[in-house]
């Protein structure tokens, strides 16, 4: 089943140029049944990445543009009065799709942001006292602008923790940018993308990822990383048990994508920054990159 990832990654790299690591991380995030947060400046391909993954996976896709006047009902849905039946009926909101792009999520107020909490954690929503299941598989890919830009509302820690990974794309290198300038327009490419990994096969791969072996020594390493984040004094708050589980899930997916049946320390190290960078805040310092945030952990904690 690992071989079915190859055509998906190959096609994806023809759309998002010069970002093979970020694409692989995004795919691993979905294999681990996680949600993805992409933080970057405008117009570097964040929305294109989300739309591309939805097309390649054949998922029902919906984009929600987050704005300052967005209300929870605009996301979840609400009941409307039907004059014909003289009763209220529920009109589902855009959240009832397999893949949601929460575009510029930090431009909406915390009230609107919180509408995603139950959906992301439990794959269900409760509206007007009734709980409704969301389709499977269900993924949220959110984009956000840098927090220093005007009109942004920082995501609270509880919201950030719902995202398995946070990625940045950055500007393309010169060679990739030249190919982008000379190539076909990205929206046209998106319309032509084949389904490389249908939803049924994706579910099979997710089950295989969960079965990837983690040795006792590997668990010791992950626990040592988590303990270091709590006891070293480098961070305001250490990693939670949920963060440790997220790190293991992402490492299993990375090992699977690399063709291995068990997790190695280098798999943990490969996903440490995107999984833990947004969950840790360096003590007494300003904004830094995820790689800088986790650097002390990698330097000070010995691998097995």
C-alpha atoms as a PDB file:
ATOM      1  CA  UNK A   1       0.000   0.000   0.000  1.00  0.00           C
ATOM      2  CA  UNK A   2       2.944   2.355   0.516  1.00  0.00           C
ATOM      3  CA  UNK A   3       3.492   2.353  -3.252  1.00  0.00           C
ATOM      4  CA  UNK A   4       0.153   4.135  -3.720  1.00  0.00           C
ATOM      5  CA  UNK A   5       1.706   7.202  -2.101  1.00  0.00           C
ATOM      6  CA  UNK A   6       4.310   7.580  -4.841  1.00  0.00           C
ATOM      7  CA  UNK A   7       2.001   8.788  -7.645  1.00  0.00           C
ATOM      8  CA  UNK A   8       0.259  11.154  -5.223  1.00  0.00           C
ATOM      9  CA  UNK A   9       3.552  12.731  -4.134  1.00  0.00           C
ATOM     10  CA  UNK A  10       4.836  12.860  -7.715  1.00  0.00           C
ATOM     11  CA  UNK A  11       1.779  14.707  -9.003  1.00  0.00           C
ATOM     12  CA  UNK A  12       1.681  17.000  -5.966  1.00  0.00           C
ATOM     13  CA  UNK A  13       5.253  18.113  -6.615  1.00  0.00           C
ATOM     14  CA  UNK A  14       4.292  19.218 -10.126  1.00  0.00           C
ATOM     15  CA  UNK A  15       1.749  21.652  -8.671  1.00  0.00           C
ATOM     16  CA  UNK A  16       3.566  22.985  -5.581  1.00  0.00           C
ATOM     17  CA  UNK A  17       7.098  23.444  -6.887  1.00  0.00           C
ATOM     18  CA  UNK A  18      10.227  23.127  -4.793  1.00  0.00           C
ATOM     19  CA  UNK A  19       8.485  22.059  -1.572  1.00  0.00           C
ATOM     20  CA  UNK A  20       8.805  18.237  -1.421  1.00  0.00           C
ATOM     21  CA  UNK A  21       9.350  18.113   2.340  1.00  0.00           C
ATOM     22  CA  UNK A  22       6.304  20.270   3.120  1.00  0.00           C
ATOM     23  CA  UNK A  23       4.146  18.183   0.785  1.00  0.00           C
ATOM     24  CA  UNK A  24       5.315  14.950   2.403  1.00  0.00           C
ATOM     25  CA  UNK A  25       4.618  16.368   5.849  1.00  0.00           C
ATOM     26  CA  UNK A  26       1.125  17.451   4.785  1.00  0.00           C
ATOM     27  CA  UNK A  27       0.374  13.969   3.425  1.00  0.00           C
ATOM     28  CA  UNK A  28       1.732  12.360   6.599  1.00  0.00           C
ATOM     29  CA  UNK A  29      -0.519  14.637   8.642  1.00  0.00           C
ATOM     30  CA  UNK A  30      -3.565  13.261   6.797  1.00  0.00           C
ATOM     31  CA  UNK A  31      -2.295   9.673   7.090  1.00  0.00           C
ATOM     32  CA  UNK A  32      -2.116  10.204  10.854  1.00  0.00           C
ATOM     33  CA  UNK A  33      -5.735  11.469  10.819  1.00  0.00           C
ATOM     34  CA  UNK A  34      -4.580  14.922  11.863  1.00  0.00           C
ATOM     35  CA  UNK A  35      -5.520  18.481  10.990  1.00  0.00           C
ATOM     36  CA  UNK A  36      -3.034  20.864   9.378  1.00  0.00           C
ATOM     37  CA  UNK A  37      -2.274  24.531  10.039  1.00  0.00           C
ATOM     38  CA  UNK A  38      -0.311  26.456   7.412  1.00  0.00           C
ATOM     39  CA  UNK A  39       1.075  29.806   8.549  1.00  0.00           C
ATOM     40  CA  UNK A  40       2.724  32.067   6.019  1.00  0.00           C
ATOM     41  CA  UNK A  41       2.567  35.340   4.164  1.00  0.00           C
ATOM     42  CA  UNK A  42      -0.148  35.679   1.486  1.00  0.00           C
ATOM     43  CA  UNK A  43       0.208  34.178  -2.000  1.00  0.00           C
ATOM     44  CA  UNK A  44       2.809  31.452  -1.450  1.00  0.00           C
ATOM     45  CA  UNK A  45       0.478  28.509  -2.207  1.00  0.00           C
ATOM     46  CA  UNK A  46      -1.336  27.759   1.059  1.00  0.00           C
ATOM     47  CA  UNK A  47      -4.801  27.559  -0.506  1.00  0.00           C
ATOM     48  CA  UNK A  48      -3.465  25.753  -3.562  1.00  0.00           C
ATOM     49  CA  UNK A  49      -1.936  23.061  -1.342  1.00  0.00           C
ATOM     50  CA  UNK A  50      -5.257  22.392   0.403  1.00  0.00           C
ATOM     51  CA  UNK A  51      -7.251  22.297  -2.840  1.00  0.00           C
ATOM     52  CA  UNK A  52      -4.639  20.058  -4.465  1.00  0.00           C
ATOM     53  CA  UNK A  53      -4.763  17.491  -1.652  1.00  0.00           C
ATOM     54  CA  UNK A  54      -8.564  17.396  -1.791  1.00  0.00           C
ATOM     55  CA  UNK A  55      -8.490  16.726  -5.540  1.00  0.00           C
ATOM     56  CA  UNK A  56      -5.747  14.093  -5.358  1.00  0.00           C
ATOM     57  CA  UNK A  57      -7.633  12.267  -2.589  1.00  0.00           C
ATOM     58  CA  UNK A  58     -11.026  12.626  -4.235  1.00  0.00           C
ATOM     59  CA  UNK A  59     -12.497  14.262  -1.135  1.00  0.00           C
ATOM     60  CA  UNK A  60     -15.574  16.454  -0.903  1.00  0.00           C
ATOM     61  CA  UNK A  61     -13.988  19.886  -0.464  1.00  0.00           C
ATOM     62  CA  UNK A  62     -15.304  23.167   0.932  1.00  0.00           C
ATOM     63  CA  UNK A  63     -13.537  26.458   1.493  1.00  0.00           C
ATOM     64  CA  UNK A  64     -14.681  28.716   4.326  1.00  0.00           C
ATOM     65  CA  UNK A  65     -13.360  32.264   4.201  1.00  0.00           C
ATOM     66  CA  UNK A  66     -12.859  33.414   7.774  1.00  0.00           C
ATOM     67  CA  UNK A  67     -13.624  37.104   8.286  1.00  0.00           C
ATOM     68  CA  UNK A  68     -14.209  39.326  11.297  1.00  0.00           C
ATOM     69  CA  UNK A  69     -18.012  39.128  10.904  1.00  0.00           C
ATOM     70  CA  UNK A  70     -18.190  35.321  10.523  1.00  0.00           C
ATOM     71  CA  UNK A  71     -20.584  33.661  12.993  1.00  0.00           C
ATOM     72  CA  UNK A  72     -20.577  30.053  14.285  1.00  0.00           C
ATOM     73  CA  UNK A  73     -23.885  29.435  12.483  1.00  0.00           C
ATOM     74  CA  UNK A  74     -22.192  30.379   9.203  1.00  0.00           C
ATOM     75  CA  UNK A  75     -19.898  27.386   9.756  1.00  0.00           C
ATOM     76  CA  UNK A  76     -22.093  24.815  11.496  1.00  0.00           C
ATOM     77  CA  UNK A  77     -25.511  25.585  10.022  1.00  0.00           C
ATOM     78  CA  UNK A  78     -28.837  26.518  11.592  1.00  0.00           C
ATOM     79  CA  UNK A  79     -32.537  25.701  11.551  1.00  0.00           C
ATOM     80  CA  UNK A  80     -34.847  27.560   9.203  1.00  0.00           C
ATOM     81  CA  UNK A  81     -38.635  27.669   9.158  1.00  0.00           C
ATOM     82  CA  UNK A  82     -40.228  25.724   6.305  1.00  0.00           C
ATOM     83  CA  UNK A  83     -43.505  27.396   5.374  1.00  0.00           C
ATOM     84  CA  UNK A  84     -44.728  24.294   3.546  1.00  0.00           C
ATOM     85  CA  UNK A  85     -44.420  21.939   6.511  1.00  0.00           C
ATOM     86  CA  UNK A  86     -44.889  24.621   9.172  1.00  0.00           C
ATOM     87  CA  UNK A  87     -41.840  23.313  10.993  1.00  0.00           C
ATOM     88  CA  UNK A  88     -38.148  24.008  11.370  1.00  0.00           C
ATOM     89  CA  UNK A  89     -35.575  22.015   9.432  1.00  0.00           C
ATOM     90  CA  UNK A  90     -31.814  21.999   9.846  1.00  0.00           C
ATOM     91  CA  UNK A  91     -29.767  23.523   7.040  1.00  0.00           C
ATOM     92  CA  UNK A  92     -26.221  22.076   7.279  1.00  0.00           C
ATOM     93  CA  UNK A  93     -23.342  24.519   7.144  1.00  0.00           C
ATOM     94  CA  UNK A  94     -20.137  24.138   5.126  1.00  0.00           C
ATOM     95  CA  UNK A  95     -18.512  22.116   7.933  1.00  0.00           C
ATOM     96  CA  UNK A  96     -20.348  19.027   6.614  1.00  0.00           C
ATOM     97  CA  UNK A  97     -17.694  18.169   4.014  1.00  0.00           C
ATOM     98  CA  UNK A  98     -14.754  15.757   4.098  1.00  0.00           C
ATOM     99  CA  UNK A  99     -12.066  18.403   3.732  1.00  0.00           C
ATOM    100  CA  UNK A 100     -12.489  21.933   5.035  1.00  0.00           C
ATOM    101  CA  UNK A 101     -10.183  24.786   4.140  1.00  0.00           C
ATOM    102  CA  UNK A 102     -10.471  27.323   6.958  1.00  0.00           C
ATOM    103  CA  UNK A 103      -8.888  30.151   5.012  1.00  0.00           C
ATOM    104  CA  UNK A 104      -7.240  32.933   7.047  1.00  0.00           C
ATOM    105  CA  UNK A 105      -8.626  31.436  10.251  1.00  0.00           C
ATOM    106  CA  UNK A 106      -7.019  34.086  12.435  1.00  0.00           C
ATOM    107  CA  UNK A 107      -8.939  36.898  10.731  1.00  0.00           C
ATOM    108  CA  UNK A 108     -12.125  35.752  12.488  1.00  0.00           C
ATOM    109  CA  UNK A 109     -13.036  36.359  16.113  1.00  0.00           C
ATOM    110  CA  UNK A 110     -12.435  33.722  18.816  1.00  0.00           C
ATOM    111  CA  UNK A 111     -16.188  33.021  18.838  1.00  0.00           C
ATOM    112  CA  UNK A 112     -16.092  31.884  15.207  1.00  0.00           C
ATOM    113  CA  UNK A 113     -12.801  30.045  15.667  1.00  0.00           C
ATOM    114  CA  UNK A 114     -14.258  28.035  18.554  1.00  0.00           C
ATOM    115  CA  UNK A 115     -16.956  26.617  16.277  1.00  0.00           C
ATOM    116  CA  UNK A 116     -14.305  24.228  14.937  1.00  0.00           C
ATOM    117  CA  UNK A 117     -13.201  22.820  18.298  1.00  0.00           C
ATOM    118  CA  UNK A 118     -15.729  19.985  18.656  1.00  0.00           C
ATOM    119  CA  UNK A 119     -15.600  19.177  14.937  1.00  0.00           C
ATOM    120  CA  UNK A 120     -11.815  18.806  14.919  1.00  0.00           C
ATOM    121  CA  UNK A 121     -11.627  16.777  18.114  1.00  0.00           C
ATOM    122  CA  UNK A 122     -14.693  14.517  17.882  1.00  0.00           C
ATOM    123  CA  UNK A 123     -15.687  14.642  14.189  1.00  0.00           C
ATOM    124  CA  UNK A 124     -19.150  15.828  15.158  1.00  0.00           C
ATOM    125  CA  UNK A 125     -20.952  19.090  15.857  1.00  0.00           C
ATOM    126  CA  UNK A 126     -23.671  19.970  18.321  1.00  0.00           C
ATOM    127  CA  UNK A 127     -26.155  22.535  17.079  1.00  0.00           C
ATOM    128  CA  UNK A 128     -29.288  23.560  18.980  1.00  0.00           C
ATOM    129  CA  UNK A 129     -28.877  20.658  21.371  1.00  0.00           C
ATOM    130  CA  UNK A 130     -28.568  17.945  18.711  1.00  0.00           C
ATOM    131  CA  UNK A 131     -25.314  16.190  17.850  1.00  0.00           C
ATOM    132  CA  UNK A 132     -24.647  15.441  14.203  1.00  0.00           C
ATOM    133  CA  UNK A 133     -21.808  13.309  12.839  1.00  0.00           C
ATOM    134  CA  UNK A 134     -19.447  14.689  10.217  1.00  0.00           C
ATOM    135  CA  UNK A 135     -18.453  12.743   7.098  1.00  0.00           C
ATOM    136  CA  UNK A 136     -15.461  10.414   7.155  1.00  0.00           C
ATOM    137  CA  UNK A 137     -12.685  10.985   6.529  1.00  0.00           C
ATOM    138  CA  UNK A 138     -12.772  14.531   7.940  1.00  0.00           C
ATOM    139  CA  UNK A 139      -9.869  16.963   7.774  1.00  0.00           C
ATOM    140  CA  UNK A 140      -9.401  20.638   8.481  1.00  0.00           C
ATOM    141  CA  UNK A 141      -6.615  22.487   6.726  1.00  0.00           C
ATOM    142  CA  UNK A 142      -6.410  26.016   8.081  1.00  0.00           C
ATOM    143  CA  UNK A 143      -4.304  28.882   6.810  1.00  0.00           C
ATOM    144  CA  UNK A 144      -3.325  31.869   8.858  1.00  0.00           C
ATOM    145  CA  UNK A 145      -1.435  35.057   8.237  1.00  0.00           C
ATOM    146  CA  UNK A 146       1.536  36.061  10.407  1.00  0.00           C
ATOM    147  CA  UNK A 147       0.305  37.432  13.730  1.00  0.00           C
ATOM    148  CA  UNK A 148       1.977  40.818  13.212  1.00  0.00           C
ATOM    149  CA  UNK A 149      -0.347  41.605  10.289  1.00  0.00           C
ATOM    150  CA  UNK A 150      -3.271  43.945  10.880  1.00  0.00           C
ATOM    151  CA  UNK A 151      -6.663  42.428  11.706  1.00  0.00           C
ATOM    152  CA  UNK A 152      -5.575  39.070  13.128  1.00  0.00           C
ATOM    153  CA  UNK A 153      -6.843  37.288  16.250  1.00  0.00           C
ATOM    154  CA  UNK A 154      -4.277  34.812  17.641  1.00  0.00           C
ATOM    155  CA  UNK A 155      -5.532  31.249  18.000  1.00  0.00           C
ATOM    156  CA  UNK A 156      -5.733  30.176  21.660  1.00  0.00           C
ATOM    157  CA  UNK A 157      -3.636  27.241  22.870  1.00  0.00           C
ATOM    158  CA  UNK A 158      -6.684  24.945  22.957  1.00  0.00           C
ATOM    159  CA  UNK A 159      -7.312  25.640  19.263  1.00  0.00           C
ATOM    160  CA  UNK A 160      -3.658  25.267  18.260  1.00  0.00           C
ATOM    161  CA  UNK A 161      -3.526  21.917  20.044  1.00  0.00           C
ATOM    162  CA  UNK A 162      -6.218  20.556  17.700  1.00  0.00           C
ATOM    163  CA  UNK A 163      -3.785  20.816  14.791  1.00  0.00           C
ATOM    164  CA  UNK A 164      -1.425  17.873  14.503  1.00  0.00           C
ATOM    165  CA  UNK A 165       1.083  19.939  12.506  1.00  0.00           C
ATOM    166  CA  UNK A 166       1.874  23.518  11.639  1.00  0.00           C
ATOM    167  CA  UNK A 167       3.812  24.163   8.435  1.00  0.00           C
ATOM    168  CA  UNK A 168       5.238  27.123   6.596  1.00  0.00           C
ATOM    169  CA  UNK A 169       5.829  27.063   2.845  1.00  0.00           C
ATOM    170  CA  UNK A 170       8.033  30.097   2.355  1.00  0.00           C
ATOM    171  CA  UNK A 171       9.047  31.630  -0.940  1.00  0.00           C
ATOM    172  CA  UNK A 172      10.166  29.251  -3.722  1.00  0.00           C
ATOM    173  CA  UNK A 173      13.796  28.976  -4.692  1.00  0.00           C
ATOM    174  CA  UNK A 174      14.883  30.713  -7.904  1.00  0.00           C
ATOM    175  CA  UNK A 175      14.729  27.595 -10.058  1.00  0.00           C
ATOM    176  CA  UNK A 176      11.239  26.645  -8.883  1.00  0.00           C
ATOM    177  CA  UNK A 177      10.008  30.219  -9.232  1.00  0.00           C
ATOM    178  CA  UNK A 178      11.249  30.386 -12.821  1.00  0.00           C
ATOM    179  CA  UNK A 179       9.439  27.125 -13.618  1.00  0.00           C
ATOM    180  CA  UNK A 180       6.336  28.606 -11.993  1.00  0.00           C
ATOM    181  CA  UNK A 181       6.566  31.723 -14.162  1.00  0.00           C
ATOM    182  CA  UNK A 182       6.979  29.685 -17.349  1.00  0.00           C
ATOM    183  CA  UNK A 183       4.477  26.957 -16.511  1.00  0.00           C
ATOM    184  CA  UNK A 184       0.735  26.601 -16.604  1.00  0.00           C
ATOM    185  CA  UNK A 185      -1.477  28.614 -14.272  1.00  0.00           C
ATOM    186  CA  UNK A 186      -2.015  26.728 -10.995  1.00  0.00           C
ATOM    187  CA  UNK A 187      -5.813  26.876 -11.041  1.00  0.00           C
ATOM    188  CA  UNK A 188      -5.829  25.238 -14.454  1.00  0.00           C
ATOM    189  CA  UNK A 189      -3.583  22.473 -13.164  1.00  0.00           C
ATOM    190  CA  UNK A 190      -5.902  21.854 -10.210  1.00  0.00           C
ATOM    191  CA  UNK A 191      -8.837  21.253 -12.543  1.00  0.00           C
ATOM    192  CA  UNK A 192      -6.912  18.498 -14.350  1.00  0.00           C
ATOM    193  CA  UNK A 193      -5.614  16.598 -11.333  1.00  0.00           C
ATOM    194  CA  UNK A 194      -6.482  12.901 -11.187  1.00  0.00           C
ATOM    195  CA  UNK A 195      -7.626  11.112  -8.054  1.00  0.00           C
ATOM    196  CA  UNK A 196      -4.439   9.334  -6.983  1.00  0.00           C
ATOM    197  CA  UNK A 197      -5.639   7.941  -3.649  1.00  0.00           C
ATOM    198  CA  UNK A 198      -9.406   7.400  -3.239  1.00  0.00           C
ATOM    199  CA  UNK A 199     -10.948   7.820   0.201  1.00  0.00           C
ATOM    200  CA  UNK A 200     -11.334   4.054   0.695  1.00  0.00           C
ATOM    201  CA  UNK A 201      -7.616   3.481   0.074  1.00  0.00           C
ATOM    202  CA  UNK A 202      -6.762   6.416   2.314  1.00  0.00           C
ATOM    203  CA  UNK A 203      -8.636   4.744   5.180  1.00  0.00           C
ATOM    204  CA  UNK A 204      -6.683   1.526   4.559  1.00  0.00           C
ATOM    205  CA  UNK A 205      -3.407   3.448   4.702  1.00  0.00           C
ATOM    206  CA  UNK A 206      -4.457   5.146   7.919  1.00  0.00           C
ATOM    207  CA  UNK A 207      -5.047   1.734   9.488  1.00  0.00           C
ATOM    208  CA  UNK A 208      -1.604   0.588   8.334  1.00  0.00           C
ATOM    209  CA  UNK A 209      -0.010   3.716   9.798  1.00  0.00           C
ATOM    210  CA  UNK A 210      -1.557   2.992  13.195  1.00  0.00           C
ATOM    211  CA  UNK A 211       0.023  -0.478  13.070  1.00  0.00           C
ATOM    212  CA  UNK A 212       3.583   0.829  12.557  1.00  0.00           C
ATOM    213  CA  UNK A 213       5.679  -0.512  15.437  1.00  0.00           C
ATOM    214  CA  UNK A 214       7.147   1.668  18.187  1.00  0.00           C
ATOM    215  CA  UNK A 215       9.738  -0.048  20.386  1.00  0.00           C
ATOM    216  CA  UNK A 216      10.153   0.503  24.108  1.00  0.00           C
ATOM    217  CA  UNK A 217      13.419   2.326  23.426  1.00  0.00           C
ATOM    218  CA  UNK A 218      11.644   4.654  20.979  1.00  0.00           C
ATOM    219  CA  UNK A 219       8.947   5.383  23.554  1.00  0.00           C
ATOM    220  CA  UNK A 220      11.722   6.164  26.050  1.00  0.00           C
ATOM    221  CA  UNK A 221      13.085   8.733  23.588  1.00  0.00           C
ATOM    222  CA  UNK A 222       9.695  10.394  23.078  1.00  0.00           C
ATOM    223  CA  UNK A 223       9.110  10.499  26.826  1.00  0.00           C
ATOM    224  CA  UNK A 224      12.551  12.024  27.311  1.00  0.00           C
ATOM    225  CA  UNK A 225      11.701  14.766  24.784  1.00  0.00           C
ATOM    226  CA  UNK A 226       8.402  15.480  26.524  1.00  0.00           C
ATOM    227  CA  UNK A 227      10.055  15.496  29.945  1.00  0.00           C
ATOM    228  CA  UNK A 228      12.786  17.844  28.735  1.00  0.00           C
ATOM    229  CA  UNK A 229      10.183  20.321  27.487  1.00  0.00           C
ATOM    230  CA  UNK A 230       8.657  20.376  30.984  1.00  0.00           C
ATOM    231  CA  UNK A 231      11.777  20.407  33.152  1.00  0.00           C
ATOM    232  CA  UNK A 232      14.464  22.258  31.210  1.00  0.00           C
ATOM    233  CA  UNK A 233      13.182  25.783  31.812  1.00  0.00           C
ATOM    234  CA  UNK A 234      13.444  26.586  28.088  1.00  0.00           C
ATOM    235  CA  UNK A 235       9.658  26.745  27.692  1.00  0.00           C
ATOM    236  CA  UNK A 236       6.811  28.478  29.493  1.00  0.00           C
ATOM    237  CA  UNK A 237       4.776  25.260  29.452  1.00  0.00           C
ATOM    238  CA  UNK A 238       5.891  21.752  28.532  1.00  0.00           C
ATOM    239  CA  UNK A 239       4.318  19.315  26.119  1.00  0.00           C
ATOM    240  CA  UNK A 240       1.094  17.655  27.220  1.00  0.00           C
ATOM    241  CA  UNK A 241       0.404  13.912  26.991  1.00  0.00           C
ATOM    242  CA  UNK A 242      -1.747  14.693  23.938  1.00  0.00           C
ATOM    243  CA  UNK A 243       1.260  16.352  22.313  1.00  0.00           C
ATOM    244  CA  UNK A 244       3.310  13.212  22.971  1.00  0.00           C
ATOM    245  CA  UNK A 245       0.632  11.097  21.308  1.00  0.00           C
ATOM    246  CA  UNK A 246       0.565  13.510  18.369  1.00  0.00           C
ATOM    247  CA  UNK A 247       4.343  13.201  18.000  1.00  0.00           C
ATOM    248  CA  UNK A 248       4.095   9.404  17.928  1.00  0.00           C
ATOM    249  CA  UNK A 249       1.253   9.454  15.374  1.00  0.00           C
ATOM    250  CA  UNK A 250       3.155  11.780  13.060  1.00  0.00           C
ATOM    251  CA  UNK A 251       6.364   9.747  13.433  1.00  0.00           C
ATOM    252  CA  UNK A 252       4.492   6.556  12.512  1.00  0.00           C
ATOM    253  CA  UNK A 253       3.157   8.246   9.374  1.00  0.00           C
ATOM    254  CA  UNK A 254       6.627   9.521   8.423  1.00  0.00           C
ATOM    255  CA  UNK A 255       8.159   6.064   8.931  1.00  0.00           C
ATOM    256  CA  UNK A 256       5.368   4.542   6.835  1.00  0.00           C
ATOM    257  CA  UNK A 257       5.966   7.027   4.014  1.00  0.00           C
ATOM    258  CA  UNK A 258       9.672   6.141   4.173  1.00  0.00           C
ATOM    259  CA  UNK A 259       8.787   2.461   3.716  1.00  0.00           C
ATOM    260  CA  UNK A 260       9.551   1.267   7.234  1.00  0.00           C
ATOM    261  CA  UNK A 261       7.427  -0.877   9.523  1.00  0.00           C
ATOM    262  CA  UNK A 262       8.825   0.568  12.737  1.00  0.00           C
ATOM    263  CA  UNK A 263       9.627   4.076  13.961  1.00  0.00           C
ATOM    264  CA  UNK A 264      13.248   5.228  14.266  1.00  0.00           C
ATOM    265  CA  UNK A 265      14.524   8.270  16.179  1.00  0.00           C
ATOM    266  CA  UNK A 266      15.101  10.095  12.898  1.00  0.00           C
ATOM    267  CA  UNK A 267      11.380   9.772  12.140  1.00  0.00           C
ATOM    268  CA  UNK A 268      10.580  11.520  15.412  1.00  0.00           C
ATOM    269  CA  UNK A 269      13.179  14.178  14.659  1.00  0.00           C
ATOM    270  CA  UNK A 270      11.745  14.736  11.163  1.00  0.00           C
ATOM    271  CA  UNK A 271       8.309  15.664  12.512  1.00  0.00           C
ATOM    272  CA  UNK A 272       9.303  17.265  15.829  1.00  0.00           C
ATOM    273  CA  UNK A 273       9.259  20.877  14.610  1.00  0.00           C
ATOM    274  CA  UNK A 274       5.906  20.787  12.762  1.00  0.00           C
ATOM    275  CA  UNK A 275       4.230  18.835  15.579  1.00  0.00           C
ATOM    276  CA  UNK A 276       5.676  20.620  18.611  1.00  0.00           C
ATOM    277  CA  UNK A 277       6.677  24.070  17.344  1.00  0.00           C
ATOM    278  CA  UNK A 278       3.191  25.549  17.809  1.00  0.00           C
ATOM    279  CA  UNK A 279       2.681  23.806  21.153  1.00  0.00           C
ATOM    280  CA  UNK A 280       5.764  25.294  22.822  1.00  0.00           C
ATOM    281  CA  UNK A 281       6.582  28.876  23.698  1.00  0.00           C
ATOM    282  CA  UNK A 282      10.189  29.703  24.583  1.00  0.00           C
ATOM    283  CA  UNK A 283      10.497  31.268  28.005  1.00  0.00           C
ATOM    284  CA  UNK A 284      11.100  35.015  27.900  1.00  0.00           C
ATOM    285  CA  UNK A 285      11.511  35.422  24.138  1.00  0.00           C
ATOM    286  CA  UNK A 286       9.582  36.742  21.189  1.00  0.00           C
ATOM    287  CA  UNK A 287       8.362  35.004  18.073  1.00  0.00           C
ATOM    288  CA  UNK A 288      10.725  32.384  16.637  1.00  0.00           C
ATOM    289  CA  UNK A 289      10.485  29.605  14.090  1.00  0.00           C
ATOM    290  CA  UNK A 290       9.406  26.077  15.010  1.00  0.00           C
ATOM    291  CA  UNK A 291      12.905  24.777  14.239  1.00  0.00           C
ATOM    292  CA  UNK A 292      14.435  27.211  16.732  1.00  0.00           C
ATOM    293  CA  UNK A 293      11.802  26.270  19.320  1.00  0.00           C
ATOM    294  CA  UNK A 294      12.647  22.554  19.251  1.00  0.00           C
ATOM    295  CA  UNK A 295      16.422  22.939  18.719  1.00  0.00           C
ATOM    296  CA  UNK A 296      17.304  22.588  22.454  1.00  0.00           C
ATOM    297  CA  UNK A 297      15.328  19.324  22.617  1.00  0.00           C
ATOM    298  CA  UNK A 298      17.220  17.853  19.683  1.00  0.00           C
ATOM    299  CA  UNK A 299      20.567  19.046  21.033  1.00  0.00           C
ATOM    300  CA  UNK A 300      20.146  17.935  24.628  1.00  0.00           C
ATOM    301  CA  UNK A 301      18.106  14.710  24.419  1.00  0.00           C
ATOM    302  CA  UNK A 302      20.061  11.691  23.217  1.00  0.00           C
ATOM    303  CA  UNK A 303      18.413   9.473  20.619  1.00  0.00           C
ATOM    304  CA  UNK A 304      18.098   5.763  21.293  1.00  0.00           C
END
